[in-house]
């Protein structure tokens, strides 16, 4: 049992009166693992062709950045 991850479930928090749980670093930790895996494949293959279909397209990156609004401004 890991005391940092096995403390309470979302259901237990809700039962205790909480309406929200914030999982502050899980996304960051997941992205670190994903980046390592992608960079290992790029290094092994010598190019990005093998990972392009598995990663976010540039259009999604631009959308998150608000590129359309920046261009309009």
N, C-alpha and C. Protein backbone atom coordinates (compact mmCIF):
# COMPACT_ATOMS: atom_id res chain seq x y z
N UNK A 1 0.84 -1.19 0.00
CA UNK A 1 0.00 0.00 0.00
C UNK A 1 0.88 1.25 0.00
N UNK A 2 0.54 2.18 -0.88
CA UNK A 2 1.26 3.44 -0.98
C UNK A 2 0.46 4.51 -0.25
N UNK A 3 0.97 5.07 0.83
CA UNK A 3 0.20 6.05 1.59
C UNK A 3 -0.12 7.33 0.83
N UNK A 4 0.61 7.60 -0.25
CA UNK A 4 0.35 8.82 -1.02
C UNK A 4 -0.71 8.65 -2.07
N UNK A 5 -0.98 7.42 -2.49
CA UNK A 5 -1.96 7.21 -3.56
C UNK A 5 -3.17 6.41 -3.11
N UNK A 6 -3.10 5.71 -2.01
CA UNK A 6 -4.18 4.83 -1.58
C UNK A 6 -4.93 5.40 -0.37
N UNK A 7 -5.01 6.71 -0.25
CA UNK A 7 -5.61 7.32 0.93
C UNK A 7 -7.14 7.25 0.85
N UNK A 8 -7.73 7.89 -0.13
CA UNK A 8 -9.18 7.95 -0.28
C UNK A 8 -9.56 7.82 -1.75
N UNK A 9 -10.70 7.22 -1.98
CA UNK A 9 -11.22 7.17 -3.35
C UNK A 9 -12.11 8.39 -3.57
N UNK A 10 -12.43 8.68 -4.81
CA UNK A 10 -13.33 9.78 -5.14
C UNK A 10 -14.70 9.54 -4.50
N UNK A 11 -15.15 8.29 -4.50
CA UNK A 11 -16.45 7.97 -3.88
C UNK A 11 -16.43 8.25 -2.38
N UNK A 12 -15.32 7.94 -1.73
CA UNK A 12 -15.21 8.21 -0.29
C UNK A 12 -15.20 9.71 -0.02
N UNK A 13 -14.52 10.46 -0.88
CA UNK A 13 -14.52 11.92 -0.73
C UNK A 13 -15.93 12.48 -0.90
N UNK A 14 -16.64 11.98 -1.92
CA UNK A 14 -18.01 12.44 -2.16
C UNK A 14 -18.90 12.12 -0.97
N UNK A 15 -18.75 10.93 -0.45
CA UNK A 15 -19.52 10.53 0.73
C UNK A 15 -19.21 11.44 1.92
N UNK A 16 -18.00 11.96 1.99
CA UNK A 16 -17.60 12.87 3.05
C UNK A 16 -18.01 14.31 2.82
N UNK A 17 -18.71 14.57 1.72
CA UNK A 17 -19.22 15.91 1.46
C UNK A 17 -18.44 16.73 0.46
N UNK A 18 -17.40 16.16 -0.12
CA UNK A 18 -16.61 16.88 -1.11
C UNK A 18 -17.29 16.78 -2.47
N UNK A 19 -17.29 17.86 -3.23
CA UNK A 19 -17.89 17.85 -4.56
C UNK A 19 -16.86 17.80 -5.67
N UNK A 20 -15.57 17.89 -5.29
CA UNK A 20 -14.52 17.90 -6.30
C UNK A 20 -13.23 17.34 -5.72
N UNK A 21 -12.53 16.61 -6.55
CA UNK A 21 -11.18 16.15 -6.20
C UNK A 21 -10.25 16.64 -7.30
N UNK A 22 -9.14 17.21 -6.92
CA UNK A 22 -8.18 17.71 -7.89
C UNK A 22 -6.97 16.78 -7.90
N UNK A 23 -6.72 16.17 -9.04
CA UNK A 23 -5.58 15.28 -9.21
C UNK A 23 -4.49 16.10 -9.89
N UNK A 24 -3.79 16.85 -9.08
CA UNK A 24 -2.91 17.91 -9.56
C UNK A 24 -1.73 17.46 -10.41
N UNK A 25 -1.13 16.33 -10.12
CA UNK A 25 0.10 15.99 -10.86
C UNK A 25 -0.01 14.73 -11.71
N UNK A 26 -1.15 14.07 -11.72
CA UNK A 26 -1.25 12.83 -12.49
C UNK A 26 -1.11 13.07 -13.99
N UNK A 27 -1.67 14.17 -14.49
CA UNK A 27 -1.51 14.49 -15.91
C UNK A 27 -0.07 14.76 -16.28
N UNK A 28 0.60 15.51 -15.44
CA UNK A 28 2.02 15.79 -15.67
C UNK A 28 2.84 14.51 -15.67
N UNK A 29 2.59 13.66 -14.68
CA UNK A 29 3.35 12.40 -14.59
C UNK A 29 3.07 11.50 -15.78
N UNK A 30 1.81 11.47 -16.26
CA UNK A 30 1.48 10.68 -17.44
C UNK A 30 2.18 11.23 -18.67
N UNK A 31 2.24 12.56 -18.79
CA UNK A 31 2.89 13.15 -19.96
C UNK A 31 4.39 12.89 -19.97
N UNK A 32 5.01 12.84 -18.79
CA UNK A 32 6.44 12.53 -18.72
C UNK A 32 6.70 11.14 -19.28
N UNK A 33 5.90 10.17 -18.85
CA UNK A 33 6.07 8.80 -19.36
C UNK A 33 5.85 8.75 -20.87
N UNK A 34 4.78 9.43 -21.34
CA UNK A 34 4.48 9.42 -22.77
C UNK A 34 5.60 10.07 -23.57
N UNK A 35 6.14 11.19 -23.08
CA UNK A 35 7.25 11.85 -23.79
C UNK A 35 8.47 10.96 -23.86
N UNK A 36 8.79 10.29 -22.77
CA UNK A 36 9.95 9.38 -22.79
C UNK A 36 9.77 8.30 -23.84
N UNK A 37 8.55 7.71 -23.88
CA UNK A 37 8.30 6.64 -24.85
C UNK A 37 8.40 7.15 -26.28
N UNK A 38 7.84 8.33 -26.54
CA UNK A 38 7.88 8.89 -27.89
C UNK A 38 9.32 9.21 -28.30
N UNK A 39 10.08 9.84 -27.41
CA UNK A 39 11.47 10.17 -27.74
C UNK A 39 12.33 8.92 -27.93
N UNK A 40 12.05 7.87 -27.18
CA UNK A 40 12.78 6.61 -27.38
C UNK A 40 12.49 6.04 -28.76
N UNK A 41 11.23 6.11 -29.20
CA UNK A 41 10.89 5.61 -30.54
C UNK A 41 11.53 6.46 -31.63
N UNK A 42 11.52 7.77 -31.44
CA UNK A 42 12.14 8.65 -32.44
C UNK A 42 13.63 8.35 -32.52
N UNK A 43 14.26 8.16 -31.39
CA UNK A 43 15.70 7.84 -31.36
C UNK A 43 15.95 6.51 -32.06
N UNK A 44 15.13 5.52 -31.76
CA UNK A 44 15.29 4.18 -32.35
C UNK A 44 15.06 4.21 -33.86
N UNK A 45 13.98 4.92 -34.29
CA UNK A 45 13.61 4.94 -35.71
C UNK A 45 14.41 5.96 -36.52
N UNK A 46 14.92 6.98 -35.84
CA UNK A 46 15.67 8.02 -36.54
C UNK A 46 14.79 9.07 -37.19
N UNK A 47 13.48 9.01 -36.95
CA UNK A 47 12.56 10.01 -37.50
C UNK A 47 11.24 9.98 -36.71
N UNK A 48 10.36 10.91 -37.02
CA UNK A 48 9.10 11.00 -36.29
C UNK A 48 7.93 10.29 -36.97
N UNK A 49 8.16 9.74 -38.16
CA UNK A 49 7.06 9.14 -38.92
C UNK A 49 6.29 8.07 -38.13
N UNK A 50 6.98 7.29 -37.32
CA UNK A 50 6.33 6.21 -36.59
C UNK A 50 5.48 6.64 -35.42
N UNK A 51 5.58 7.90 -35.01
CA UNK A 51 4.80 8.35 -33.85
C UNK A 51 3.73 9.37 -34.22
N UNK A 52 3.76 9.89 -35.43
CA UNK A 52 2.86 10.98 -35.81
C UNK A 52 1.38 10.64 -35.62
N UNK A 53 0.98 9.42 -35.88
CA UNK A 53 -0.43 9.04 -35.75
C UNK A 53 -0.84 8.83 -34.29
N UNK A 54 0.11 8.80 -33.38
CA UNK A 54 -0.18 8.53 -31.97
C UNK A 54 -0.09 9.77 -31.09
N UNK A 55 0.35 10.88 -31.65
CA UNK A 55 0.50 12.10 -30.85
C UNK A 55 -0.52 13.14 -31.31
N UNK A 56 -0.71 14.17 -30.49
CA UNK A 56 -1.67 15.22 -30.82
C UNK A 56 -1.24 15.95 -32.09
N UNK A 57 -2.19 16.23 -32.96
CA UNK A 57 -1.84 16.99 -34.16
C UNK A 57 -1.55 18.45 -33.80
N UNK A 58 -0.80 19.12 -34.65
CA UNK A 58 -0.47 20.52 -34.40
C UNK A 58 -1.73 21.38 -34.27
N UNK A 59 -2.81 21.01 -34.97
CA UNK A 59 -4.05 21.79 -34.86
C UNK A 59 -4.56 21.80 -33.42
N UNK A 60 -4.39 20.71 -32.70
CA UNK A 60 -4.80 20.65 -31.29
C UNK A 60 -3.89 21.52 -30.42
N UNK A 61 -2.60 21.50 -30.71
CA UNK A 61 -1.66 22.37 -29.98
C UNK A 61 -2.05 23.83 -30.19
N UNK A 62 -2.32 24.22 -31.44
CA UNK A 62 -2.68 25.59 -31.75
C UNK A 62 -4.00 25.97 -31.08
N UNK A 63 -4.94 25.03 -31.02
CA UNK A 63 -6.23 25.31 -30.37
C UNK A 63 -6.02 25.58 -28.87
N UNK A 64 -5.21 24.77 -28.21
CA UNK A 64 -4.94 24.96 -26.79
C UNK A 64 -4.26 26.31 -26.55
N UNK A 65 -3.38 26.70 -27.46
CA UNK A 65 -2.66 27.96 -27.34
C UNK A 65 -3.54 29.18 -27.62
N UNK A 66 -4.71 28.95 -28.23
CA UNK A 66 -5.55 30.07 -28.62
C UNK A 66 -5.02 30.78 -29.85
N UNK A 67 -4.40 30.02 -30.74
CA UNK A 67 -3.75 30.60 -31.92
C UNK A 67 -4.73 31.40 -32.78
N UNK A 68 -5.95 30.92 -32.97
CA UNK A 68 -6.92 31.62 -33.81
C UNK A 68 -7.21 33.01 -33.25
N UNK A 69 -7.41 33.09 -31.93
CA UNK A 69 -7.66 34.39 -31.31
C UNK A 69 -6.46 35.31 -31.43
N UNK A 70 -5.26 34.76 -31.27
CA UNK A 70 -4.04 35.58 -31.39
C UNK A 70 -3.92 36.14 -32.80
N UNK A 71 -4.22 35.32 -33.82
CA UNK A 71 -4.12 35.78 -35.19
C UNK A 71 -5.16 36.86 -35.49
N UNK A 72 -6.35 36.70 -34.90
CA UNK A 72 -7.39 37.68 -35.11
C UNK A 72 -7.05 39.01 -34.45
N UNK A 73 -6.37 38.95 -33.31
CA UNK A 73 -5.96 40.18 -32.61
C UNK A 73 -4.86 40.87 -33.38
